[in-house]
Amino acid sequence: MKFSKMHGIGNDYIYVNCFEETVSEPEKVSVVLSDRHKGVGGDGLVLIMPSDIADFRMRIFNADGSEAMMCGNATRCIGKYVYDMGLTDKTDITLETNSGIKYLKLYLKNDKVELVTVDMGKAILVPKDIPVNSDLDRFVSQPVEVCGKTWDITCVSMGNPHAVIFTEGIAELDLEKIGPHFENHDLFPNRVNTEFAEVIDDHTLNMRVWERGSGETFACGTGTCATVVAAVLNGICKQDEEVLVHLRGGDLRITYKSDGTVLMTGPAEYVFEGTVSDEFINKAKENVVCRS
């Protein structure tokens, strides 16, 4: 099976062109290939597929085999892949995801995609739709106890659930310890991605992220969008004004528009291409247990 390794500011996935390849049991394949010691290494597996309702379709699987609804960094990488590999000559494309159709605008340099802006759609703020186990109209700066400490949490969905926390000293947080407790908290019936954000000013944030199914990653596109939405809801930033967010892997620029939609702009990069043998995959899959 041929694959490409790509990353969006450090959020790295293994990409397979399903116009040419067939991937059986992608949940197990993701677990096998994502292993950074015994596989290719990555935050998960992304399938680039034909679509009946858009230019292309994306399916994405986390490193633990669970299928994700959406990934902002992966959408940008797909935009670069389909253009640079000649699957399209359009610079405005549509992408079918498990959380709806996303709209991508590609910016070229030397006839290669350098930056991609993704219209991520409207932020979801109603708790039952995120989902969050709460009867509130919105879950904004609500106190929640995790690991013996009370955290003020704001919840947003960008097609997948996010819990955003504004705090100081995020570089010192032990995410390996506290991250799983947020991810699996009873408040979140489908688990949750958790963002820890530090305010620099009303147009600049620092952020770290614990992603459900993958652990801490260098970046999360949907999480960055959710964090800027949460910043607006908490009066930190303003709608219709671009916010620069610094992540471990690089920077994203996010605009939360007054019509409720969110725009995300950032880079996408190739790392390498390769092939993996069917023999290796099939043998490794025999012992894989996936998380649903």
C-alpha atoms as a PDB file:
ATOM      1  CA  MET A   1       0.000   0.000   0.000  1.00  0.00           C
ATOM      2  CA  LYS A   2       1.336   3.390  -0.966  1.00  0.00           C
ATOM      3  CA  PHE A   3       1.026   6.276   1.497  1.00  0.00           C
ATOM      4  CA  SER A   4       2.149   9.858   2.035  1.00  0.00           C
ATOM      5  CA  LYS A   5       3.209  11.335   5.349  1.00  0.00           C
ATOM      6  CA  MET A   6       2.079  14.959   5.757  1.00  0.00           C
ATOM      7  CA  HIS A   7       1.676  17.409   8.593  1.00  0.00           C
ATOM      8  CA  GLY A   8      -0.157  20.621   9.329  1.00  0.00           C
ATOM      9  CA  ILE A   9       2.040  22.524  11.809  1.00  0.00           C
ATOM     10  CA  GLY A  10       3.096  19.277  13.447  1.00  0.00           C
ATOM     11  CA  ASN A  11      -0.267  17.489  13.427  1.00  0.00           C
ATOM     12  CA  ASP A  12       0.973  14.540  11.365  1.00  0.00           C
ATOM     13  CA  TYR A  13      -1.091  11.885   9.627  1.00  0.00           C
ATOM     14  CA  ILE A  14      -0.587   9.048   7.177  1.00  0.00           C
ATOM     15  CA  TYR A  15      -2.504   9.798   3.959  1.00  0.00           C
ATOM     16  CA  VAL A  16      -3.727   7.165   1.516  1.00  0.00           C
ATOM     17  CA  ASN A  17      -5.057   7.975  -1.955  1.00  0.00           C
ATOM     18  CA  CYS A  18      -8.157   5.785  -2.177  1.00  0.00           C
ATOM     19  CA  PHE A  19      -8.595   6.638  -5.838  1.00  0.00           C
ATOM     20  CA  GLU A  20      -5.751   4.161  -6.290  1.00  0.00           C
ATOM     21  CA  GLU A  21      -5.643   2.121  -3.062  1.00  0.00           C
ATOM     22  CA  THR A  22      -8.166   0.046  -1.102  1.00  0.00           C
ATOM     23  CA  VAL A  23      -7.872   0.000   2.690  1.00  0.00           C
ATOM     24  CA  SER A  24      -9.726  -2.764   4.518  1.00  0.00           C
ATOM     25  CA  GLU A  25     -10.341  -2.377   8.264  1.00  0.00           C
ATOM     26  CA  PRO A  26      -8.945   1.192   8.341  1.00  0.00           C
ATOM     27  CA  GLU A  27      -9.511   1.346  12.107  1.00  0.00           C
ATOM     28  CA  LYS A  28      -6.925  -1.394  12.644  1.00  0.00           C
ATOM     29  CA  VAL A  29      -4.626  -0.054   9.928  1.00  0.00           C
ATOM     30  CA  SER A  30      -4.562   3.291  11.720  1.00  0.00           C
ATOM     31  CA  VAL A  31      -3.461   1.670  14.978  1.00  0.00           C
ATOM     32  CA  VAL A  32      -0.758  -0.325  13.199  1.00  0.00           C
ATOM     33  CA  LEU A  33       0.678   2.485  11.093  1.00  0.00           C
ATOM     34  CA  SER A  34       0.393   5.254  13.719  1.00  0.00           C
ATOM     35  CA  ASP A  35       2.754   3.456  16.087  1.00  0.00           C
ATOM     36  CA  ARG A  36       5.890   5.609  16.191  1.00  0.00           C
ATOM     37  CA  HIS A  37       8.129   2.664  17.074  1.00  0.00           C
ATOM     38  CA  LYS A  38       6.713  -0.225  15.041  1.00  0.00           C
ATOM     39  CA  GLY A  39       4.861   1.576  12.247  1.00  0.00           C
ATOM     40  CA  VAL A  40       5.133   4.705  10.125  1.00  0.00           C
ATOM     41  CA  GLY A  41       4.312   7.017  13.033  1.00  0.00           C
ATOM     42  CA  GLY A  42       1.587   9.628  13.169  1.00  0.00           C
ATOM     43  CA  ASP A  43      -1.488  10.980  14.898  1.00  0.00           C
ATOM     44  CA  GLY A  44      -3.677   8.747  12.744  1.00  0.00           C
ATOM     45  CA  LEU A  45      -4.736   7.687   9.257  1.00  0.00           C
ATOM     46  CA  VAL A  46      -6.489   9.820   6.624  1.00  0.00           C
ATOM     47  CA  LEU A  47      -8.232   8.361   3.577  1.00  0.00           C
ATOM     48  CA  ILE A  48      -8.684  10.601   0.513  1.00  0.00           C
ATOM     49  CA  MET A  49     -11.719   9.250  -1.297  1.00  0.00           C
ATOM     50  CA  PRO A  50     -14.194   9.949  -4.106  1.00  0.00           C
ATOM     51  CA  SER A  51     -17.409  11.734  -3.123  1.00  0.00           C
ATOM     52  CA  ASP A  52     -20.899  11.894  -4.616  1.00  0.00           C
ATOM     53  CA  ILE A  53     -21.605  15.309  -3.078  1.00  0.00           C
ATOM     54  CA  ALA A  54     -18.249  17.131  -3.092  1.00  0.00           C
ATOM     55  CA  ASP A  55     -14.953  17.207  -4.972  1.00  0.00           C
ATOM     56  CA  PHE A  56     -13.377  14.798  -2.488  1.00  0.00           C
ATOM     57  CA  ARG A  57     -14.208  12.911   0.698  1.00  0.00           C
ATOM     58  CA  MET A  58     -12.129  12.500   3.849  1.00  0.00           C
ATOM     59  CA  ARG A  59     -12.263   9.753   6.468  1.00  0.00           C
ATOM     60  CA  ILE A  60      -9.945  10.142   9.428  1.00  0.00           C
ATOM     61  CA  PHE A  61      -8.988   7.636  12.117  1.00  0.00           C
ATOM     62  CA  ASN A  62      -7.193   8.442  15.347  1.00  0.00           C
ATOM     63  CA  ALA A  63      -4.108   6.584  16.545  1.00  0.00           C
ATOM     64  CA  ASP A  64      -6.319   4.415  18.784  1.00  0.00           C
ATOM     65  CA  GLY A  65      -8.494   3.361  15.831  1.00  0.00           C
ATOM     66  CA  SER A  66     -11.528   5.490  16.656  1.00  0.00           C
ATOM     67  CA  GLU A  67     -12.975   7.401  13.716  1.00  0.00           C
ATOM     68  CA  ALA A  68     -12.933  11.188  14.023  1.00  0.00           C
ATOM     69  CA  MET A  69     -15.583  13.503  12.665  1.00  0.00           C
ATOM     70  CA  MET A  70     -13.257  16.188  11.412  1.00  0.00           C
ATOM     71  CA  CYS A  71      -9.683  17.508  11.506  1.00  0.00           C
ATOM     72  CA  GLY A  72      -8.780  21.015  10.398  1.00  0.00           C
ATOM     73  CA  ASN A  73      -5.086  20.347   9.865  1.00  0.00           C
ATOM     74  CA  ALA A  74      -5.877  17.265   7.794  1.00  0.00           C
ATOM     75  CA  THR A  75      -8.267  19.227   5.568  1.00  0.00           C
ATOM     76  CA  ARG A  76      -5.447  21.609   4.681  1.00  0.00           C
ATOM     77  CA  CYS A  77      -3.122  18.717   3.903  1.00  0.00           C
ATOM     78  CA  ILE A  78      -5.751  17.155   1.665  1.00  0.00           C
ATOM     79  CA  GLY A  79      -6.072  20.463  -0.182  1.00  0.00           C
ATOM     80  CA  LYS A  80      -2.334  20.427  -0.843  1.00  0.00           C
ATOM     81  CA  TYR A  81      -2.321  16.744  -1.773  1.00  0.00           C
ATOM     82  CA  VAL A  82      -5.123  16.806  -4.338  1.00  0.00           C
ATOM     83  CA  TYR A  83      -3.721  19.880  -6.089  1.00  0.00           C
ATOM     84  CA  ASP A  84      -0.025  19.053  -5.995  1.00  0.00           C
ATOM     85  CA  MET A  85      -0.679  15.450  -7.072  1.00  0.00           C
ATOM     86  CA  GLY A  86      -2.816  16.555 -10.000  1.00  0.00           C
ATOM     87  CA  LEU A  87      -6.152  15.201  -8.755  1.00  0.00           C
ATOM     88  CA  THR A  88      -7.634  18.663  -9.387  1.00  0.00           C
ATOM     89  CA  ASP A  89      -6.646  21.927 -11.030  1.00  0.00           C
ATOM     90  CA  LYS A  90      -9.108  23.977  -8.961  1.00  0.00           C
ATOM     91  CA  THR A  91      -8.006  26.274  -6.163  1.00  0.00           C
ATOM     92  CA  ASP A  92     -11.473  26.342  -4.610  1.00  0.00           C
ATOM     93  CA  ILE A  93     -12.575  22.842  -3.662  1.00  0.00           C
ATOM     94  CA  THR A  94     -15.198  21.126  -1.543  1.00  0.00           C
ATOM     95  CA  LEU A  95     -14.430  18.314   0.891  1.00  0.00           C
ATOM     96  CA  GLU A  96     -16.959  15.894   2.350  1.00  0.00           C
ATOM     97  CA  THR A  97     -16.288  15.049   6.009  1.00  0.00           C
ATOM     98  CA  ASN A  98     -18.240  13.247   8.713  1.00  0.00           C
ATOM     99  CA  SER A  99     -19.264  16.680  10.017  1.00  0.00           C
ATOM    100  CA  GLY A 100     -20.432  18.072   6.677  1.00  0.00           C
ATOM    101  CA  ILE A 101     -18.914  19.672   3.603  1.00  0.00           C
ATOM    102  CA  LYS A 102     -15.944  22.004   4.128  1.00  0.00           C
ATOM    103  CA  TYR A 103     -14.807  24.647   1.656  1.00  0.00           C
ATOM    104  CA  LEU A 104     -11.100  25.058   0.934  1.00  0.00           C
ATOM    105  CA  LYS A 105      -9.284  27.908  -0.798  1.00  0.00           C
ATOM    106  CA  LEU A 106      -5.755  27.064  -1.939  1.00  0.00           C
ATOM    107  CA  TYR A 107      -2.956  29.649  -2.153  1.00  0.00           C
ATOM    108  CA  LEU A 108      -0.110  28.760  -4.489  1.00  0.00           C
ATOM    109  CA  LYS A 109       3.614  29.498  -4.591  1.00  0.00           C
ATOM    110  CA  ASN A 110       5.670  28.210  -7.532  1.00  0.00           C
ATOM    111  CA  ASP A 111       2.577  26.236  -8.619  1.00  0.00           C
ATOM    112  CA  LYS A 112       2.456  24.330  -5.317  1.00  0.00           C
ATOM    113  CA  VAL A 113       0.027  24.836  -2.465  1.00  0.00           C
ATOM    114  CA  GLU A 114       1.626  26.863   0.338  1.00  0.00           C
ATOM    115  CA  LEU A 115      -1.366  27.937   2.439  1.00  0.00           C
ATOM    116  CA  VAL A 116      -4.967  26.792   2.706  1.00  0.00           C
ATOM    117  CA  THR A 117      -7.972  28.632   4.108  1.00  0.00           C
ATOM    118  CA  VAL A 118     -10.767  26.369   5.286  1.00  0.00           C
ATOM    119  CA  ASP A 119     -14.320  27.535   5.890  1.00  0.00           C
ATOM    120  CA  MET A 120     -14.949  25.346   8.908  1.00  0.00           C
ATOM    121  CA  GLY A 121     -18.673  26.090   9.040  1.00  0.00           C
ATOM    122  CA  LYS A 122     -20.573  27.381  12.028  1.00  0.00           C
ATOM    123  CA  ALA A 123     -19.495  26.795  15.586  1.00  0.00           C
ATOM    124  CA  ILE A 124     -21.969  24.711  17.596  1.00  0.00           C
ATOM    125  CA  LEU A 125     -22.654  26.160  21.030  1.00  0.00           C
ATOM    126  CA  VAL A 126     -25.708  24.283  22.338  1.00  0.00           C
ATOM    127  CA  PRO A 127     -24.440  21.762  24.922  1.00  0.00           C
ATOM    128  CA  LYS A 128     -26.645  18.837  23.854  1.00  0.00           C
ATOM    129  CA  ASP A 129     -25.357  19.220  20.282  1.00  0.00           C
ATOM    130  CA  ILE A 130     -21.642  19.373  21.230  1.00  0.00           C
ATOM    131  CA  PRO A 131     -22.388  17.047  23.177  1.00  0.00           C
ATOM    132  CA  VAL A 132     -22.094  18.012  26.832  1.00  0.00           C
ATOM    133  CA  ASN A 133     -24.231  16.625  29.651  1.00  0.00           C
ATOM    134  CA  SER A 134     -25.722  19.978  30.624  1.00  0.00           C
ATOM    135  CA  ASP A 135     -29.110  21.695  30.496  1.00  0.00           C
ATOM    136  CA  LEU A 136     -27.555  25.148  30.017  1.00  0.00           C
ATOM    137  CA  ASP A 137     -28.199  27.173  26.851  1.00  0.00           C
ATOM    138  CA  ARG A 138     -24.425  27.583  26.489  1.00  0.00           C
ATOM    139  CA  PHE A 139     -21.550  26.077  28.432  1.00  0.00           C
ATOM    140  CA  VAL A 140     -19.333  29.137  28.922  1.00  0.00           C
ATOM    141  CA  SER A 141     -16.748  29.469  31.703  1.00  0.00           C
ATOM    142  CA  GLN A 142     -18.423  26.831  33.836  1.00  0.00           C
ATOM    143  CA  PRO A 143     -16.524  25.423  36.854  1.00  0.00           C
ATOM    144  CA  VAL A 144     -15.671  21.727  36.509  1.00  0.00           C
ATOM    145  CA  GLU A 145     -13.544  19.678  38.908  1.00  0.00           C
ATOM    146  CA  VAL A 146     -10.822  17.560  37.309  1.00  0.00           C
ATOM    147  CA  CYS A 147      -7.921  15.967  39.192  1.00  0.00           C
ATOM    148  CA  GLY A 148      -8.869  17.746  42.410  1.00  0.00           C
ATOM    149  CA  LYS A 149      -8.815  21.210  40.825  1.00  0.00           C
ATOM    150  CA  THR A 150     -11.619  23.442  39.578  1.00  0.00           C
ATOM    151  CA  TRP A 151     -11.258  24.586  35.963  1.00  0.00           C
ATOM    152  CA  ASP A 152     -13.432  27.113  34.124  1.00  0.00           C
ATOM    153  CA  ILE A 153     -14.432  25.342  30.917  1.00  0.00           C
ATOM    154  CA  THR A 154     -16.079  26.643  27.744  1.00  0.00           C
ATOM    155  CA  CYS A 155     -17.448  24.037  25.345  1.00  0.00           C
ATOM    156  CA  VAL A 156     -17.679  24.375  21.567  1.00  0.00           C
ATOM    157  CA  SER A 157     -18.133  21.919  18.710  1.00  0.00           C
ATOM    158  CA  MET A 158     -16.497  22.414  15.332  1.00  0.00           C
ATOM    159  CA  GLY A 159     -17.918  19.109  14.114  1.00  0.00           C
ATOM    160  CA  ASN A 160     -16.167  17.463  17.062  1.00  0.00           C
ATOM    161  CA  PRO A 161     -16.372  18.350  20.772  1.00  0.00           C
ATOM    162  CA  HIS A 162     -13.934  20.707  22.490  1.00  0.00           C
ATOM    163  CA  ALA A 163     -13.452  21.889  26.062  1.00  0.00           C
ATOM    164  CA  VAL A 164     -11.458  25.126  26.214  1.00  0.00           C
ATOM    165  CA  ILE A 165      -9.691  26.388  29.325  1.00  0.00           C
ATOM    166  CA  PHE A 166      -8.035  29.794  29.635  1.00  0.00           C
ATOM    167  CA  THR A 167      -5.206  29.675  32.134  1.00  0.00           C
ATOM    168  CA  GLU A 168      -1.620  30.738  32.698  1.00  0.00           C
ATOM    169  CA  GLY A 169       1.565  28.699  32.618  1.00  0.00           C
ATOM    170  CA  ILE A 170       0.364  26.212  30.014  1.00  0.00           C
ATOM    171  CA  ALA A 171       3.939  25.181  29.191  1.00  0.00           C
ATOM    172  CA  GLU A 172       4.236  23.662  32.663  1.00  0.00           C
ATOM    173  CA  LEU A 173       0.977  21.683  32.576  1.00  0.00           C
ATOM    174  CA  ASP A 174       1.388  17.907  32.793  1.00  0.00           C
ATOM    175  CA  LEU A 175      -0.995  17.016  29.972  1.00  0.00           C
ATOM    176  CA  GLU A 176      -0.001  13.343  30.032  1.00  0.00           C
ATOM    177  CA  LYS A 177      -1.416  13.202  33.555  1.00  0.00           C
ATOM    178  CA  ILE A 178      -4.474  15.444  33.367  1.00  0.00           C
ATOM    179  CA  GLY A 179      -5.418  15.069  29.694  1.00  0.00           C
ATOM    180  CA  PRO A 180      -7.061  11.628  29.972  1.00  0.00           C
ATOM    181  CA  HIS A 181      -9.184  12.829  32.910  1.00  0.00           C
ATOM    182  CA  PHE A 182     -10.639  15.630  30.778  1.00  0.00           C
ATOM    183  CA  GLU A 183     -11.040  13.367  27.743  1.00  0.00           C
ATOM    184  CA  ASN A 184     -13.014  10.750  29.668  1.00  0.00           C
ATOM    185  CA  HIS A 185     -14.916  13.003  32.081  1.00  0.00           C
ATOM    186  CA  ASP A 186     -18.567  12.072  32.689  1.00  0.00           C
ATOM    187  CA  LEU A 187     -19.546  15.501  31.371  1.00  0.00           C
ATOM    188  CA  PHE A 188     -18.668  14.394  27.837  1.00  0.00           C
ATOM    189  CA  PRO A 189     -20.607  11.374  26.528  1.00  0.00           C
ATOM    190  CA  ASN A 190     -18.436  11.072  23.387  1.00  0.00           C
ATOM    191  CA  ARG A 191     -15.182  12.029  25.116  1.00  0.00           C
ATOM    192  CA  VAL A 192     -13.678  15.435  24.338  1.00  0.00           C
ATOM    193  CA  ASN A 193     -10.666  17.285  22.958  1.00  0.00           C
ATOM    194  CA  THR A 194      -9.237  19.707  25.517  1.00  0.00           C
ATOM    195  CA  GLU A 195      -7.483  22.992  24.752  1.00  0.00           C
ATOM    196  CA  PHE A 196      -5.404  24.929  27.286  1.00  0.00           C
ATOM    197  CA  ALA A 197      -5.004  28.531  26.142  1.00  0.00           C
ATOM    198  CA  GLU A 198      -2.940  31.440  27.421  1.00  0.00           C
ATOM    199  CA  VAL A 199      -3.934  34.988  26.478  1.00  0.00           C
ATOM    200  CA  ILE A 200      -1.174  37.227  25.084  1.00  0.00           C
ATOM    201  CA  ASP A 201      -3.486  40.012  23.921  1.00  0.00           C
ATOM    202  CA  ASP A 202      -6.878  40.363  22.218  1.00  0.00           C
ATOM    203  CA  HIS A 203      -5.432  39.164  18.907  1.00  0.00           C
ATOM    204  CA  THR A 204      -2.887  36.567  20.087  1.00  0.00           C
ATOM    205  CA  LEU A 205      -3.137  33.297  22.032  1.00  0.00           C
ATOM    206  CA  ASN A 206      -0.844  30.427  23.001  1.00  0.00           C
ATOM    207  CA  MET A 207      -2.389  26.952  23.035  1.00  0.00           C
ATOM    208  CA  ARG A 208      -1.708  23.310  23.850  1.00  0.00           C
ATOM    209  CA  VAL A 209      -4.129  20.517  23.043  1.00  0.00           C
ATOM    210  CA  TRP A 210      -4.987  17.054  24.297  1.00  0.00           C
ATOM    211  CA  GLU A 211      -6.846  15.213  21.513  1.00  0.00           C
ATOM    212  CA  ARG A 212      -9.203  12.361  22.244  1.00  0.00           C
ATOM    213  CA  GLY A 213      -7.770   9.184  20.815  1.00  0.00           C
ATOM    214  CA  SER A 214      -4.318  10.626  20.134  1.00  0.00           C
ATOM    215  CA  GLY A 215      -3.056  12.349  23.293  1.00  0.00           C
ATOM    216  CA  GLU A 216      -1.147  15.620  23.108  1.00  0.00           C
ATOM    217  CA  THR A 217      -0.526  16.678  19.521  1.00  0.00           C
ATOM    218  CA  PHE A 218       1.514  19.538  18.131  1.00  0.00           C
ATOM    219  CA  ALA A 219      -1.587  21.185  16.696  1.00  0.00           C
ATOM    220  CA  CYS A 220      -5.343  20.791  16.269  1.00  0.00           C
ATOM    221  CA  GLY A 221      -7.169  22.845  13.648  1.00  0.00           C
ATOM    222  CA  THR A 222     -10.679  22.360  14.978  1.00  0.00           C
ATOM    223  CA  GLY A 223      -9.365  22.917  18.507  1.00  0.00           C
ATOM    224  CA  THR A 224      -7.747  26.187  17.501  1.00  0.00           C
ATOM    225  CA  CYS A 225     -11.025  27.313  15.929  1.00  0.00           C
ATOM    226  CA  ALA A 226     -12.934  26.299  19.057  1.00  0.00           C
ATOM    227  CA  THR A 227     -10.451  28.195  21.225  1.00  0.00           C
ATOM    228  CA  VAL A 228     -10.931  31.439  19.294  1.00  0.00           C
ATOM    229  CA  VAL A 229     -14.718  31.001  19.453  1.00  0.00           C
ATOM    230  CA  ALA A 230     -14.412  30.459  23.215  1.00  0.00           C
ATOM    231  CA  ALA A 231     -12.200  33.554  23.472  1.00  0.00           C
ATOM    232  CA  VAL A 232     -14.937  35.609  21.828  1.00  0.00           C
ATOM    233  CA  LEU A 233     -17.610  34.111  24.100  1.00  0.00           C
ATOM    234  CA  ASN A 234     -15.484  35.035  27.116  1.00  0.00           C
ATOM    235  CA  GLY A 235     -14.869  38.613  25.917  1.00  0.00           C
ATOM    236  CA  ILE A 236     -11.164  38.073  25.242  1.00  0.00           C
ATOM    237  CA  CYS A 237     -11.241  38.483  21.435  1.00  0.00           C
ATOM    238  CA  LYS A 238     -13.702  40.013  18.968  1.00  0.00           C
ATOM    239  CA  GLN A 239     -15.707  38.597  16.114  1.00  0.00           C
ATOM    240  CA  ASP A 240     -14.661  39.428  12.530  1.00  0.00           C
ATOM    241  CA  GLU A 241     -11.064  40.061  13.663  1.00  0.00           C
ATOM    242  CA  GLU A 242      -8.245  37.638  12.875  1.00  0.00           C
ATOM    243  CA  VAL A 243      -6.584  35.970  15.850  1.00  0.00           C
ATOM    244  CA  LEU A 244      -3.075  34.515  15.699  1.00  0.00           C
ATOM    245  CA  VAL A 245      -2.729  31.291  17.691  1.00  0.00           C
ATOM    246  CA  HIS A 246       0.697  29.865  18.546  1.00  0.00           C
ATOM    247  CA  LEU A 247       0.764  26.073  18.901  1.00  0.00           C
ATOM    248  CA  ARG A 248       3.642  23.709  19.566  1.00  0.00           C
ATOM    249  CA  GLY A 249       3.921  22.943  15.865  1.00  0.00           C
ATOM    250  CA  GLY A 250       3.422  26.437  14.442  1.00  0.00           C
ATOM    251  CA  ASP A 251       0.847  29.155  13.920  1.00  0.00           C
ATOM    252  CA  LEU A 252      -2.743  29.284  12.692  1.00  0.00           C
ATOM    253  CA  ARG A 253      -4.849  32.351  11.894  1.00  0.00           C
ATOM    254  CA  ILE A 254      -8.509  32.126  12.861  1.00  0.00           C
ATOM    255  CA  THR A 255     -11.461  34.461  12.268  1.00  0.00           C
ATOM    256  CA  TYR A 256     -14.789  33.894  14.037  1.00  0.00           C
ATOM    257  CA  LYS A 257     -17.238  35.758  11.845  1.00  0.00           C
ATOM    258  CA  SER A 258     -20.400  37.473  13.025  1.00  0.00           C
ATOM    259  CA  ASP A 259     -22.505  35.034  10.980  1.00  0.00           C
ATOM    260  CA  GLY A 260     -21.187  32.213  13.194  1.00  0.00           C
ATOM    261  CA  THR A 261     -18.778  30.674  10.688  1.00  0.00           C
ATOM    262  CA  VAL A 262     -15.086  30.163  11.382  1.00  0.00           C
ATOM    263  CA  LEU A 263     -12.207  30.592   8.918  1.00  0.00           C
ATOM    264  CA  MET A 264      -8.863  28.877   9.464  1.00  0.00           C
ATOM    265  CA  THR A 265      -5.678  29.643   7.508  1.00  0.00           C
ATOM    266  CA  GLY A 266      -2.408  27.770   7.771  1.00  0.00           C
ATOM    267  CA  PRO A 267       0.255  25.743   5.965  1.00  0.00           C
ATOM    268  CA  ALA A 268       0.446  22.097   4.919  1.00  0.00           C
ATOM    269  CA  GLU A 269       3.643  20.146   4.318  1.00  0.00           C
ATOM    270  CA  TYR A 270       4.799  16.899   2.761  1.00  0.00           C
ATOM    271  CA  VAL A 271       7.207  14.778   4.805  1.00  0.00           C
ATOM    272  CA  PHE A 272       7.751  11.697   2.678  1.00  0.00           C
ATOM    273  CA  GLU A 273       6.095   8.997   0.594  1.00  0.00           C
ATOM    274  CA  GLY A 274       6.471   5.246   0.951  1.00  0.00           C
ATOM    275  CA  THR A 275       4.940   1.811   0.723  1.00  0.00           C
ATOM    276  CA  VAL A 276       4.041  -0.666   3.429  1.00  0.00           C
ATOM    277  CA  SER A 277       3.632  -4.380   2.746  1.00  0.00           C
ATOM    278  CA  ASP A 278       0.271  -6.133   3.004  1.00  0.00           C
ATOM    279  CA  GLU A 279       2.052  -8.898   4.900  1.00  0.00           C
ATOM    280  CA  PHE A 280       3.137  -6.498   7.637  1.00  0.00           C
ATOM    281  CA  ILE A 281      -0.300  -4.866   7.926  1.00  0.00           C
ATOM    282  CA  ASN A 282      -2.243  -8.145   7.989  1.00  0.00           C
ATOM    283  CA  LYS A 283       0.050  -9.719  10.568  1.00  0.00           C
ATOM    284  CA  ALA A 284      -0.033  -6.640  12.808  1.00  0.00           C
ATOM    285  CA  LYS A 285      -3.829  -6.305  12.564  1.00  0.00           C
ATOM    286  CA  GLU A 286      -4.305  -9.732  14.171  1.00  0.00           C
ATOM    287  CA  ASN A 287      -3.460  -8.341  17.612  1.00  0.00           C
ATOM    288  CA  VAL A 288      -5.113  -4.924  17.311  1.00  0.00           C
ATOM    289  CA  VAL A 289      -7.966  -3.851  19.573  1.00  0.00           C
ATOM    290  CA  CYS A 290      -9.534  -0.522  18.513  1.00  0.00           C
ATOM    291  CA  ARG A 291     -11.394   2.002  20.576  1.00  0.00           C
ATOM    292  CA  SER A 292     -14.790   2.791  19.121  1.00  0.00           C
END
